[in-house]
Amino acid sequence: MKNKNVGSIYINSITNAQRWVKFRQSVDSKKHSGYWNSGVYAWTGQFLNKNPYGYWTVYDNRKHQYPCNVLIPIDEFPNLYITDTGNVCVSQMWNDRMFSSNQEISLMKFAKFLKMRYTNYERFVAGFLNPLLKTLPQEENPFYQILSNLELEYKHATKFTYAEAFKLPREFSSIVFGSISVPDMIAELGHERVAVAGQPVKHKSFSSNGEFLGYKEYDVIFETHRVNGRKMGISDAYAIRCWCTTTDNEHWIWIEDKYANDPLEAIASTFRIHENLVPFIKELKRQGDILLVELTKDIDPRGDLVSLTKDQYFSLLTAQS
């Protein structure tokens, strides 16, 4: 189970964290706070915010052979781990073949990613390095040297440029862009407003306890913008700008260029659903990029994914934030 290519990052093509299997308390409570079983591999370690974090032991679940240790450095990305041979990997730990189908990323690029999350050395030490060190066993452990090497890489690393991040392998690129503020990125790239449109809406209002308070009427505004793609080494892209009805913070969502001149059709196009479900939609609720759909009957999704028209979208939308 030991990887040979020391000093590399590996990416697995699937990163669905919702597929974590059943968790139970470990029998060995002195060393571990959790247990995870994939069918082929078993894991013992501790959790943070319901995700595995820090020092974990992995072994063959069928014969309890080939034990090795890994370090999960960021609880937000439970599929990212460092092996005890010095490899930094992103893989699907709940996959029965977790060490297969990997893409290689250099250790230096991992340090560049950390530079984006922890913008100065003090934050890197306090938010990344020290918490990980606390999870390590007291005895001599190879991870002390590995983290020391990573600390050195961090000191010399620079943040990814947008062009560099855009050219990364898709799976790692999505993690990197997840650490970038989209409004800040678009402001730095440069953008130009193409069209603006307003829409009166009537949405459900709820208390902090979830109690329905009735309906609230107000206007929402959407703007489409052309974003300069030169710094990313691509053609210009298009995005829609909108504002949270709760916090008034601005949000940006990428759109297809064919919707650039119609902001209402553009925002509707960001919702996609199986074609056979459209006639059975009772209402939609939206929170950012998350959309909840209530149907009038249970039906299996079939057919192509399609977007709603602006008339369908706004007539069915009952809550958003």
C-alpha atoms as a PDB file:
ATOM      1  CA  MET A   1       0.000   0.000   0.000  1.00  0.00           C
ATOM      2  CA  LYS A   2       3.028   2.254   0.086  1.00  0.00           C
ATOM      3  CA  ASN A   3       3.282   4.683  -2.812  1.00  0.00           C
ATOM      4  CA  LYS A   4       6.687   4.909  -4.434  1.00  0.00           C
ATOM      5  CA  ASN A   5       6.589   8.462  -5.775  1.00  0.00           C
ATOM      6  CA  VAL A   6       7.520  10.460  -2.674  1.00  0.00           C
ATOM      7  CA  GLY A   7       6.593  14.125  -2.745  1.00  0.00           C
ATOM      8  CA  SER A   8       3.569  13.984  -5.043  1.00  0.00           C
ATOM      9  CA  ILE A   9      -0.125  14.729  -4.810  1.00  0.00           C
ATOM     10  CA  TYR A  10      -2.622  12.279  -6.228  1.00  0.00           C
ATOM     11  CA  ILE A  11      -6.176  13.017  -7.314  1.00  0.00           C
ATOM     12  CA  ASN A  12      -9.004  10.515  -7.627  1.00  0.00           C
ATOM     13  CA  SER A  13     -11.722  11.410 -10.121  1.00  0.00           C
ATOM     14  CA  ILE A  14     -14.649  11.074  -7.679  1.00  0.00           C
ATOM     15  CA  THR A  15     -14.985  13.303  -4.613  1.00  0.00           C
ATOM     16  CA  ASN A  16     -18.532  12.806  -3.301  1.00  0.00           C
ATOM     17  CA  ALA A  17     -18.159  13.200   0.461  1.00  0.00           C
ATOM     18  CA  GLN A  18     -21.749  12.097   1.051  1.00  0.00           C
ATOM     19  CA  ARG A  19     -20.710   8.507   0.386  1.00  0.00           C
ATOM     20  CA  TRP A  20     -18.974   8.134   3.725  1.00  0.00           C
ATOM     21  CA  VAL A  21     -20.151   4.832   5.190  1.00  0.00           C
ATOM     22  CA  LYS A  22     -21.408   4.085   8.702  1.00  0.00           C
ATOM     23  CA  PHE A  23     -19.321   5.440  11.560  1.00  0.00           C
ATOM     24  CA  ARG A  24     -19.027   3.831  14.984  1.00  0.00           C
ATOM     25  CA  GLN A  25     -16.816   4.376  18.025  1.00  0.00           C
ATOM     26  CA  SER A  26     -13.512   2.519  17.842  1.00  0.00           C
ATOM     27  CA  VAL A  27     -12.792  -0.280  20.260  1.00  0.00           C
ATOM     28  CA  ASP A  28      -9.317   1.150  20.740  1.00  0.00           C
ATOM     29  CA  SER A  29     -10.523   4.389  22.318  1.00  0.00           C
ATOM     30  CA  LYS A  30      -7.071   5.313  23.590  1.00  0.00           C
ATOM     31  CA  LYS A  31      -5.688   5.753  20.105  1.00  0.00           C
ATOM     32  CA  HIS A  32      -8.712   6.464  17.944  1.00  0.00           C
ATOM     33  CA  SER A  33     -12.056   8.222  18.082  1.00  0.00           C
ATOM     34  CA  GLY A  34     -13.590   6.671  14.992  1.00  0.00           C
ATOM     35  CA  TYR A  35     -13.740   3.732  12.629  1.00  0.00           C
ATOM     36  CA  TRP A  36     -14.492   3.620   8.926  1.00  0.00           C
ATOM     37  CA  ASN A  37     -14.912   0.537   6.733  1.00  0.00           C
ATOM     38  CA  SER A  38     -14.858   0.581   2.915  1.00  0.00           C
ATOM     39  CA  GLY A  39     -15.103  -3.165   2.343  1.00  0.00           C
ATOM     40  CA  VAL A  40     -11.497  -3.574   1.211  1.00  0.00           C
ATOM     41  CA  TYR A  41      -9.780  -1.077   3.521  1.00  0.00           C
ATOM     42  CA  ALA A  42     -10.528  -0.136   7.113  1.00  0.00           C
ATOM     43  CA  TRP A  43      -9.640   3.170   8.764  1.00  0.00           C
ATOM     44  CA  THR A  44      -9.243   4.199  12.381  1.00  0.00           C
ATOM     45  CA  GLY A  45      -8.715   7.770  13.521  1.00  0.00           C
ATOM     46  CA  GLN A  46     -10.467  10.899  14.764  1.00  0.00           C
ATOM     47  CA  PHE A  47     -13.108  13.255  13.407  1.00  0.00           C
ATOM     48  CA  LEU A  48     -13.516  17.032  13.209  1.00  0.00           C
ATOM     49  CA  ASN A  49     -16.837  18.611  12.209  1.00  0.00           C
ATOM     50  CA  LYS A  50     -18.093  15.097  11.377  1.00  0.00           C
ATOM     51  CA  ASN A  51     -15.253  14.607   8.892  1.00  0.00           C
ATOM     52  CA  PRO A  52     -12.083  12.528   9.384  1.00  0.00           C
ATOM     53  CA  TYR A  53      -9.131  14.680  10.368  1.00  0.00           C
ATOM     54  CA  GLY A  54      -5.529  14.277  11.439  1.00  0.00           C
ATOM     55  CA  TYR A  55      -3.724  10.993  12.035  1.00  0.00           C
ATOM     56  CA  TRP A  56      -5.394   7.822  10.704  1.00  0.00           C
ATOM     57  CA  THR A  57      -4.310   4.199  10.317  1.00  0.00           C
ATOM     58  CA  VAL A  58      -5.318   2.253   7.209  1.00  0.00           C
ATOM     59  CA  TYR A  59      -5.145  -1.512   6.802  1.00  0.00           C
ATOM     60  CA  ASP A  60      -6.452  -4.310   4.613  1.00  0.00           C
ATOM     61  CA  ASN A  61      -9.902  -5.005   6.012  1.00  0.00           C
ATOM     62  CA  ARG A  62     -10.065  -8.643   4.942  1.00  0.00           C
ATOM     63  CA  LYS A  63      -6.807  -9.845   6.497  1.00  0.00           C
ATOM     64  CA  HIS A  64      -5.803  -6.838   8.628  1.00  0.00           C
ATOM     65  CA  GLN A  65      -2.528  -6.723   6.743  1.00  0.00           C
ATOM     66  CA  TYR A  66      -0.387  -3.962   5.257  1.00  0.00           C
ATOM     67  CA  PRO A  67      -1.140  -1.246   7.828  1.00  0.00           C
ATOM     68  CA  CYS A  68      -0.032   2.250   6.917  1.00  0.00           C
ATOM     69  CA  ASN A  69      -0.704   5.694   8.349  1.00  0.00           C
ATOM     70  CA  VAL A  70      -2.102   8.796   6.671  1.00  0.00           C
ATOM     71  CA  LEU A  71      -2.663  12.386   7.718  1.00  0.00           C
ATOM     72  CA  ILE A  72      -5.891  14.161   6.700  1.00  0.00           C
ATOM     73  CA  PRO A  73      -4.886  17.833   6.892  1.00  0.00           C
ATOM     74  CA  ILE A  74      -8.154  19.674   6.075  1.00  0.00           C
ATOM     75  CA  ASP A  75     -11.459  18.413   7.431  1.00  0.00           C
ATOM     76  CA  GLU A  76     -13.365  20.215   4.645  1.00  0.00           C
ATOM     77  CA  PHE A  77     -11.667  17.883   2.141  1.00  0.00           C
ATOM     78  CA  PRO A  78     -11.803  14.391   3.695  1.00  0.00           C
ATOM     79  CA  ASN A  79     -10.629  12.978   0.364  1.00  0.00           C
ATOM     80  CA  LEU A  80      -7.268  14.777   0.713  1.00  0.00           C
ATOM     81  CA  TYR A  81      -4.550  13.026   2.696  1.00  0.00           C
ATOM     82  CA  ILE A  82      -0.784  12.721   3.154  1.00  0.00           C
ATOM     83  CA  THR A  83       0.803   9.276   3.240  1.00  0.00           C
ATOM     84  CA  ASP A  84       3.541   8.274   5.668  1.00  0.00           C
ATOM     85  CA  THR A  85       5.932   8.041   2.711  1.00  0.00           C
ATOM     86  CA  GLY A  86       5.565  11.761   2.007  1.00  0.00           C
ATOM     87  CA  ASN A  87       2.972  11.684  -0.773  1.00  0.00           C
ATOM     88  CA  VAL A  88       0.164  14.206  -0.682  1.00  0.00           C
ATOM     89  CA  CYS A  89      -2.950  12.706  -2.276  1.00  0.00           C
ATOM     90  CA  VAL A  90      -6.524  13.493  -3.112  1.00  0.00           C
ATOM     91  CA  SER A  91      -8.429  10.266  -3.427  1.00  0.00           C
ATOM     92  CA  GLN A  92     -11.798   8.759  -2.609  1.00  0.00           C
ATOM     93  CA  MET A  93     -11.175   7.079   0.723  1.00  0.00           C
ATOM     94  CA  TRP A  94     -14.594   5.405   0.709  1.00  0.00           C
ATOM     95  CA  ASN A  95     -13.763   3.780  -2.609  1.00  0.00           C
ATOM     96  CA  ASP A  96     -12.810   0.098  -2.304  1.00  0.00           C
ATOM     97  CA  ARG A  97      -9.863   0.815  -4.626  1.00  0.00           C
ATOM     98  CA  MET A  98      -8.726   4.049  -3.022  1.00  0.00           C
ATOM     99  CA  PHE A  99      -5.128   3.834  -4.290  1.00  0.00           C
ATOM    100  CA  SER A 100      -6.105   3.444  -7.946  1.00  0.00           C
ATOM    101  CA  SER A 101      -7.015   5.896 -10.728  1.00  0.00           C
ATOM    102  CA  ASN A 102      -4.889   8.706  -9.324  1.00  0.00           C
ATOM    103  CA  GLN A 103      -3.544  11.836 -10.990  1.00  0.00           C
ATOM    104  CA  GLU A 104      -0.223  13.253  -9.872  1.00  0.00           C
ATOM    105  CA  ILE A 105       0.192  16.834  -8.596  1.00  0.00           C
ATOM    106  CA  SER A 106       3.501  18.128  -7.267  1.00  0.00           C
ATOM    107  CA  LEU A 107       4.072  18.872  -3.590  1.00  0.00           C
ATOM    108  CA  MET A 108       4.997  22.416  -4.559  1.00  0.00           C
ATOM    109  CA  LYS A 109       1.519  22.906  -6.042  1.00  0.00           C
ATOM    110  CA  PHE A 110      -0.041  21.687  -2.821  1.00  0.00           C
ATOM    111  CA  ALA A 111       1.970  24.348  -0.992  1.00  0.00           C
ATOM    112  CA  LYS A 112       0.704  26.948  -3.480  1.00  0.00           C
ATOM    113  CA  PHE A 113      -2.838  25.854  -2.648  1.00  0.00           C
ATOM    114  CA  LEU A 114      -2.116  26.240   1.080  1.00  0.00           C
ATOM    115  CA  LYS A 115      -0.757  29.717   0.371  1.00  0.00           C
ATOM    116  CA  MET A 116      -4.209  30.632  -0.939  1.00  0.00           C
ATOM    117  CA  ARG A 117      -6.007  29.287   2.136  1.00  0.00           C
ATOM    118  CA  TYR A 118      -3.532  30.666   4.679  1.00  0.00           C
ATOM    119  CA  THR A 119      -2.361  34.016   3.373  1.00  0.00           C
ATOM    120  CA  ASN A 120       0.535  34.499   5.811  1.00  0.00           C
ATOM    121  CA  TYR A 121       2.895  32.307   7.789  1.00  0.00           C
ATOM    122  CA  GLU A 122       1.250  32.970  11.156  1.00  0.00           C
ATOM    123  CA  ARG A 123      -2.136  31.790   9.861  1.00  0.00           C
ATOM    124  CA  PHE A 124      -0.516  28.750   8.258  1.00  0.00           C
ATOM    125  CA  VAL A 125       1.065  27.724  11.557  1.00  0.00           C
ATOM    126  CA  ALA A 126      -2.002  28.457  13.711  1.00  0.00           C
ATOM    127  CA  GLY A 127      -4.665  27.160  11.346  1.00  0.00           C
ATOM    128  CA  PHE A 128      -2.915  24.291   9.575  1.00  0.00           C
ATOM    129  CA  LEU A 129       0.385  23.146  11.062  1.00  0.00           C
ATOM    130  CA  ASN A 130      -0.176  23.208  14.841  1.00  0.00           C
ATOM    131  CA  PRO A 131      -3.599  21.485  14.795  1.00  0.00           C
ATOM    132  CA  LEU A 132      -2.143  18.648  12.702  1.00  0.00           C
ATOM    133  CA  LEU A 133       0.874  18.248  14.989  1.00  0.00           C
ATOM    134  CA  LYS A 134      -1.466  17.782  17.955  1.00  0.00           C
ATOM    135  CA  THR A 135      -3.018  14.711  16.308  1.00  0.00           C
ATOM    136  CA  LEU A 136       0.295  12.880  15.899  1.00  0.00           C
ATOM    137  CA  PRO A 137       1.484  10.156  18.301  1.00  0.00           C
ATOM    138  CA  GLN A 138       4.116  11.247  20.801  1.00  0.00           C
ATOM    139  CA  GLU A 139       6.670   8.713  19.608  1.00  0.00           C
ATOM    140  CA  GLU A 140       8.962   9.274  16.655  1.00  0.00           C
ATOM    141  CA  ASN A 141       6.830   9.604  13.557  1.00  0.00           C
ATOM    142  CA  PRO A 142       7.674  10.292   9.888  1.00  0.00           C
ATOM    143  CA  PHE A 143       4.929  12.925   9.663  1.00  0.00           C
ATOM    144  CA  TYR A 144       6.959  15.339  11.782  1.00  0.00           C
ATOM    145  CA  GLN A 145       9.590  15.496   9.029  1.00  0.00           C
ATOM    146  CA  ILE A 146       6.967  15.530   6.276  1.00  0.00           C
ATOM    147  CA  LEU A 147       5.212  18.535   7.831  1.00  0.00           C
ATOM    148  CA  SER A 148       8.568  20.224   8.318  1.00  0.00           C
ATOM    149  CA  ASN A 149       9.270  19.806   4.600  1.00  0.00           C
ATOM    150  CA  LEU A 150       5.829  21.158   3.784  1.00  0.00           C
ATOM    151  CA  GLU A 151       6.456  24.168   6.018  1.00  0.00           C
ATOM    152  CA  LEU A 152       9.593  24.929   4.024  1.00  0.00           C
ATOM    153  CA  GLU A 153       7.691  24.584   0.741  1.00  0.00           C
ATOM    154  CA  TYR A 154       5.045  26.993   2.058  1.00  0.00           C
ATOM    155  CA  LYS A 155       7.645  29.655   2.893  1.00  0.00           C
ATOM    156  CA  HIS A 156       8.854  29.686  -0.717  1.00  0.00           C
ATOM    157  CA  ALA A 157       5.491  29.191  -2.423  1.00  0.00           C
ATOM    158  CA  THR A 158       3.424  31.814  -4.212  1.00  0.00           C
ATOM    159  CA  LYS A 159      -0.313  31.688  -4.772  1.00  0.00           C
ATOM    160  CA  PHE A 160      -1.680  30.198  -7.958  1.00  0.00           C
ATOM    161  CA  THR A 161      -2.487  32.727 -10.626  1.00  0.00           C
ATOM    162  CA  TYR A 162      -5.938  32.286 -12.124  1.00  0.00           C
ATOM    163  CA  ALA A 163      -4.348  31.009 -15.331  1.00  0.00           C
ATOM    164  CA  GLU A 164      -2.347  28.398 -13.393  1.00  0.00           C
ATOM    165  CA  ALA A 165      -5.376  27.281 -11.391  1.00  0.00           C
ATOM    166  CA  PHE A 166      -7.514  27.007 -14.510  1.00  0.00           C
ATOM    167  CA  LYS A 167      -4.971  24.660 -16.148  1.00  0.00           C
ATOM    168  CA  LEU A 168      -4.761  22.255 -13.183  1.00  0.00           C
ATOM    169  CA  PRO A 169      -6.322  18.777 -13.480  1.00  0.00           C
ATOM    170  CA  ARG A 170     -10.072  19.197 -13.146  1.00  0.00           C
ATOM    171  CA  GLU A 171     -10.501  17.575  -9.728  1.00  0.00           C
ATOM    172  CA  PHE A 172      -7.693  19.506  -8.042  1.00  0.00           C
ATOM    173  CA  SER A 173      -8.700  22.683  -9.869  1.00  0.00           C
ATOM    174  CA  SER A 174     -12.166  22.493  -8.309  1.00  0.00           C
ATOM    175  CA  ILE A 175     -10.600  22.324  -4.841  1.00  0.00           C
ATOM    176  CA  VAL A 176      -8.316  25.266  -5.594  1.00  0.00           C
ATOM    177  CA  PHE A 177     -11.117  27.433  -6.993  1.00  0.00           C
ATOM    178  CA  GLY A 178     -13.169  26.512  -3.920  1.00  0.00           C
ATOM    179  CA  SER A 179     -10.682  28.581  -1.908  1.00  0.00           C
ATOM    180  CA  ILE A 180     -10.993  31.629  -4.158  1.00  0.00           C
ATOM    181  CA  SER A 181     -13.491  34.418  -3.525  1.00  0.00           C
ATOM    182  CA  VAL A 182     -15.450  34.594  -6.778  1.00  0.00           C
ATOM    183  CA  PRO A 183     -16.417  38.294  -6.371  1.00  0.00           C
ATOM    184  CA  ASP A 184     -12.767  39.175  -5.712  1.00  0.00           C
ATOM    185  CA  MET A 185     -11.601  37.089  -8.671  1.00  0.00           C
ATOM    186  CA  ILE A 186     -14.078  38.673 -11.070  1.00  0.00           C
ATOM    187  CA  ALA A 187     -13.162  42.154  -9.823  1.00  0.00           C
ATOM    188  CA  GLU A 188      -9.475  41.421 -10.441  1.00  0.00           C
ATOM    189  CA  LEU A 189     -10.085  39.889 -13.863  1.00  0.00           C
ATOM    190  CA  GLY A 190     -12.192  42.847 -14.940  1.00  0.00           C
ATOM    191  CA  HIS A 191     -15.799  42.767 -16.108  1.00  0.00           C
ATOM    192  CA  GLU A 192     -18.365  44.784 -18.050  1.00  0.00           C
ATOM    193  CA  ARG A 193     -22.123  44.820 -17.481  1.00  0.00           C
ATOM    194  CA  VAL A 194     -24.110  43.580 -20.462  1.00  0.00           C
ATOM    195  CA  ALA A 195     -27.738  43.737 -19.283  1.00  0.00           C
ATOM    196  CA  VAL A 196     -29.840  44.293 -16.173  1.00  0.00           C
ATOM    197  CA  ALA A 197     -33.396  43.225 -15.340  1.00  0.00           C
ATOM    198  CA  GLY A 198     -35.713  43.249 -12.334  1.00  0.00           C
ATOM    199  CA  GLN A 199     -38.453  40.861 -11.310  1.00  0.00           C
ATOM    200  CA  PRO A 200     -41.223  41.221  -8.680  1.00  0.00           C
ATOM    201  CA  VAL A 201     -41.443  38.086  -6.519  1.00  0.00           C
ATOM    202  CA  LYS A 202     -43.686  36.784  -3.743  1.00  0.00           C
ATOM    203  CA  HIS A 203     -41.789  34.475  -1.423  1.00  0.00           C
ATOM    204  CA  LYS A 204     -42.495  32.591   1.760  1.00  0.00           C
ATOM    205  CA  SER A 205     -41.072  34.078   4.957  1.00  0.00           C
ATOM    206  CA  PHE A 206     -39.946  31.997   7.934  1.00  0.00           C
ATOM    207  CA  SER A 207     -38.821  32.720  11.497  1.00  0.00           C
ATOM    208  CA  SER A 208     -35.442  31.588  12.838  1.00  0.00           C
ATOM    209  CA  ASN A 209     -37.261  28.540  14.242  1.00  0.00           C
ATOM    210  CA  GLY A 210     -38.661  27.615  10.837  1.00  0.00           C
ATOM    211  CA  GLU A 211     -42.182  28.890  11.523  1.00  0.00           C
ATOM    212  CA  PHE A 212     -44.031  30.077   8.409  1.00  0.00           C
ATOM    213  CA  LEU A 213     -44.740  33.813   8.730  1.00  0.00           C
ATOM    214  CA  GLY A 214     -46.590  34.399   5.483  1.00  0.00           C
ATOM    215  CA  TYR A 215     -45.566  35.845   2.135  1.00  0.00           C
ATOM    216  CA  LYS A 216     -43.313  38.813   1.420  1.00  0.00           C
ATOM    217  CA  GLU A 217     -43.347  40.780  -1.824  1.00  0.00           C
ATOM    218  CA  TYR A 218     -40.261  42.540  -3.144  1.00  0.00           C
ATOM    219  CA  ASP A 219     -38.207  43.105  -6.299  1.00  0.00           C
ATOM    220  CA  VAL A 220     -35.021  41.247  -7.217  1.00  0.00           C
ATOM    221  CA  ILE A 221     -32.348  42.532  -9.592  1.00  0.00           C
ATOM    222  CA  PHE A 222     -30.071  40.489 -11.875  1.00  0.00           C
ATOM    223  CA  GLU A 223     -27.144  41.677 -14.000  1.00  0.00           C
ATOM    224  CA  THR A 224     -25.245  39.802 -16.667  1.00  0.00           C
ATOM    225  CA  HIS A 225     -21.552  40.639 -17.113  1.00  0.00           C
ATOM    226  CA  ARG A 226     -18.795  39.828 -19.579  1.00  0.00           C
ATOM    227  CA  VAL A 227     -15.712  38.723 -17.614  1.00  0.00           C
ATOM    228  CA  ASN A 228     -12.257  39.248 -19.108  1.00  0.00           C
ATOM    229  CA  GLY A 229     -10.655  35.829 -19.607  1.00  0.00           C
ATOM    230  CA  ARG A 230      -7.202  37.094 -20.599  1.00  0.00           C
ATOM    231  CA  LYS A 231      -5.595  36.488 -17.176  1.00  0.00           C
ATOM    232  CA  MET A 232      -6.858  32.893 -17.226  1.00  0.00           C
ATOM    233  CA  GLY A 233      -5.662  32.373 -20.778  1.00  0.00           C
ATOM    234  CA  ILE A 234      -9.187  31.758 -22.085  1.00  0.00           C
ATOM    235  CA  SER A 235     -11.851  33.600 -24.049  1.00  0.00           C
ATOM    236  CA  ASP A 236     -14.137  36.005 -22.233  1.00  0.00           C
ATOM    237  CA  ALA A 237     -16.750  34.330 -20.038  1.00  0.00           C
ATOM    238  CA  TYR A 238     -20.173  35.415 -18.810  1.00  0.00           C
ATOM    239  CA  ALA A 239     -21.636  35.511 -15.327  1.00  0.00           C
ATOM    240  CA  ILE A 240     -24.801  36.706 -13.657  1.00  0.00           C
ATOM    241  CA  ARG A 241     -24.581  38.967 -10.623  1.00  0.00           C
ATOM    242  CA  CYS A 242     -27.271  38.841  -7.946  1.00  0.00           C
ATOM    243  CA  TRP A 243     -27.701  39.788  -4.296  1.00  0.00           C
ATOM    244  CA  CYS A 244     -28.685  37.694  -1.292  1.00  0.00           C
ATOM    245  CA  THR A 245     -32.118  38.747  -0.045  1.00  0.00           C
ATOM    246  CA  THR A 246     -31.045  38.091   3.560  1.00  0.00           C
ATOM    247  CA  THR A 247     -27.525  39.576   3.785  1.00  0.00           C
ATOM    248  CA  ASP A 248     -27.487  41.803   0.662  1.00  0.00           C
ATOM    249  CA  ASN A 249     -24.101  40.257  -0.239  1.00  0.00           C
ATOM    250  CA  GLU A 250     -23.372  39.938  -3.944  1.00  0.00           C
ATOM    251  CA  HIS A 251     -23.021  36.552  -5.636  1.00  0.00           C
ATOM    252  CA  TRP A 252     -21.841  35.525  -9.086  1.00  0.00           C
ATOM    253  CA  ILE A 253     -22.877  32.461 -11.081  1.00  0.00           C
ATOM    254  CA  TRP A 254     -21.288  31.484 -14.398  1.00  0.00           C
ATOM    255  CA  ILE A 255     -23.705  31.275 -17.331  1.00  0.00           C
ATOM    256  CA  GLU A 256     -23.660  30.316 -20.994  1.00  0.00           C
ATOM    257  CA  ASP A 257     -22.981  33.228 -23.336  1.00  0.00           C
ATOM    258  CA  LYS A 258     -26.295  32.738 -25.164  1.00  0.00           C
ATOM    259  CA  TYR A 259     -28.077  34.122 -22.081  1.00  0.00           C
ATOM    260  CA  ALA A 260     -25.915  37.249 -21.817  1.00  0.00           C
ATOM    261  CA  ASN A 261     -28.632  39.622 -23.022  1.00  0.00           C
ATOM    262  CA  ASP A 262     -31.465  38.230 -20.889  1.00  0.00           C
ATOM    263  CA  PRO A 263     -30.650  38.206 -17.146  1.00  0.00           C
ATOM    264  CA  LEU A 264     -33.958  36.586 -16.136  1.00  0.00           C
ATOM    265  CA  GLU A 265     -33.531  33.749 -18.617  1.00  0.00           C
ATOM    266  CA  ALA A 266     -29.903  33.484 -17.476  1.00  0.00           C
ATOM    267  CA  ILE A 267     -30.739  32.911 -13.804  1.00  0.00           C
ATOM    268  CA  ALA A 268     -33.454  30.429 -14.776  1.00  0.00           C
ATOM    269  CA  SER A 269     -30.914  28.522 -16.897  1.00  0.00           C
ATOM    270  CA  THR A 270     -28.772  27.824 -13.815  1.00  0.00           C
ATOM    271  CA  PHE A 271     -31.464  25.395 -12.631  1.00  0.00           C
ATOM    272  CA  ARG A 272     -31.408  22.059 -14.466  1.00  0.00           C
ATOM    273  CA  ILE A 273     -33.746  19.111 -13.910  1.00  0.00           C
ATOM    274  CA  HIS A 274     -34.713  15.881 -15.673  1.00  0.00           C
ATOM    275  CA  GLU A 275     -37.177  16.692 -18.418  1.00  0.00           C
ATOM    276  CA  ASN A 276     -39.894  14.297 -17.243  1.00  0.00           C
ATOM    277  CA  LEU A 277     -40.053  15.981 -13.802  1.00  0.00           C
ATOM    278  CA  VAL A 278     -40.876  19.489 -15.038  1.00  0.00           C
ATOM    279  CA  PRO A 279     -44.707  19.022 -15.213  1.00  0.00           C
ATOM    280  CA  PHE A 280     -44.715  17.749 -11.619  1.00  0.00           C
ATOM    281  CA  ILE A 281     -42.784  20.592  -9.941  1.00  0.00           C
ATOM    282  CA  LYS A 282     -44.861  22.092  -7.129  1.00  0.00           C
ATOM    283  CA  GLU A 283     -42.333  24.685  -5.947  1.00  0.00           C
ATOM    284  CA  LEU A 284     -38.635  25.565  -5.844  1.00  0.00           C
ATOM    285  CA  LYS A 285     -36.541  26.875  -2.952  1.00  0.00           C
ATOM    286  CA  ARG A 286     -33.086  28.284  -3.586  1.00  0.00           C
ATOM    287  CA  GLN A 287     -30.094  29.039  -1.370  1.00  0.00           C
ATOM    288  CA  GLY A 288     -27.181  30.133  -3.525  1.00  0.00           C
ATOM    289  CA  ASP A 289     -26.243  27.216  -5.765  1.00  0.00           C
ATOM    290  CA  ILE A 290     -28.466  24.793  -3.815  1.00  0.00           C
ATOM    291  CA  LEU A 291     -31.985  24.286  -5.150  1.00  0.00           C
ATOM    292  CA  LEU A 292     -34.665  22.201  -3.464  1.00  0.00           C
ATOM    293  CA  VAL A 293     -37.521  20.839  -5.551  1.00  0.00           C
ATOM    294  CA  GLU A 294     -40.906  19.764  -4.209  1.00  0.00           C
ATOM    295  CA  LEU A 295     -42.900  17.550  -6.574  1.00  0.00           C
ATOM    296  CA  THR A 296     -46.636  16.883  -6.689  1.00  0.00           C
ATOM    297  CA  LYS A 297     -45.978  13.125  -6.880  1.00  0.00           C
ATOM    298  CA  ASP A 298     -43.130  10.643  -6.568  1.00  0.00           C
ATOM    299  CA  ILE A 299     -41.629   9.965  -9.968  1.00  0.00           C
ATOM    300  CA  ASP A 300     -38.326   8.528 -11.149  1.00  0.00           C
ATOM    301  CA  PRO A 301     -36.172  11.058 -13.054  1.00  0.00           C
ATOM    302  CA  ARG A 302     -35.671  10.199 -16.719  1.00  0.00           C
ATOM    303  CA  GLY A 303     -34.599  11.881 -19.919  1.00  0.00           C
ATOM    304  CA  ASP A 304     -32.292  14.814 -20.550  1.00  0.00           C
ATOM    305  CA  LEU A 305     -31.444  17.528 -18.057  1.00  0.00           C
ATOM    306  CA  VAL A 306     -33.146  20.727 -19.139  1.00  0.00           C
ATOM    307  CA  SER A 307     -33.333  24.278 -17.809  1.00  0.00           C
ATOM    308  CA  LEU A 308     -36.584  26.015 -16.932  1.00  0.00           C
ATOM    309  CA  THR A 309     -37.796  29.071 -18.804  1.00  0.00           C
ATOM    310  CA  LYS A 310     -37.851  32.327 -16.867  1.00  0.00           C
ATOM    311  CA  ASP A 311     -41.655  32.162 -16.610  1.00  0.00           C
ATOM    312  CA  GLN A 312     -41.527  28.628 -15.186  1.00  0.00           C
ATOM    313  CA  TYR A 313     -38.682  29.470 -12.823  1.00  0.00           C
ATOM    314  CA  PHE A 314     -40.164  32.582 -11.227  1.00  0.00           C
ATOM    315  CA  SER A 315     -43.684  31.167 -11.008  1.00  0.00           C
ATOM    316  CA  LEU A 316     -42.399  28.131  -9.082  1.00  0.00           C
ATOM    317  CA  LEU A 317     -39.782  29.851  -6.876  1.00  0.00           C
ATOM    318  CA  THR A 318     -41.235  30.337  -3.365  1.00  0.00           C
ATOM    319  CA  ALA A 319     -38.116  31.058  -1.288  1.00  0.00           C
ATOM    320  CA  GLN A 320     -34.536  32.144  -1.883  1.00  0.00           C
ATOM    321  CA  SER A 321     -31.560  33.526   0.013  1.00  0.00           C
END
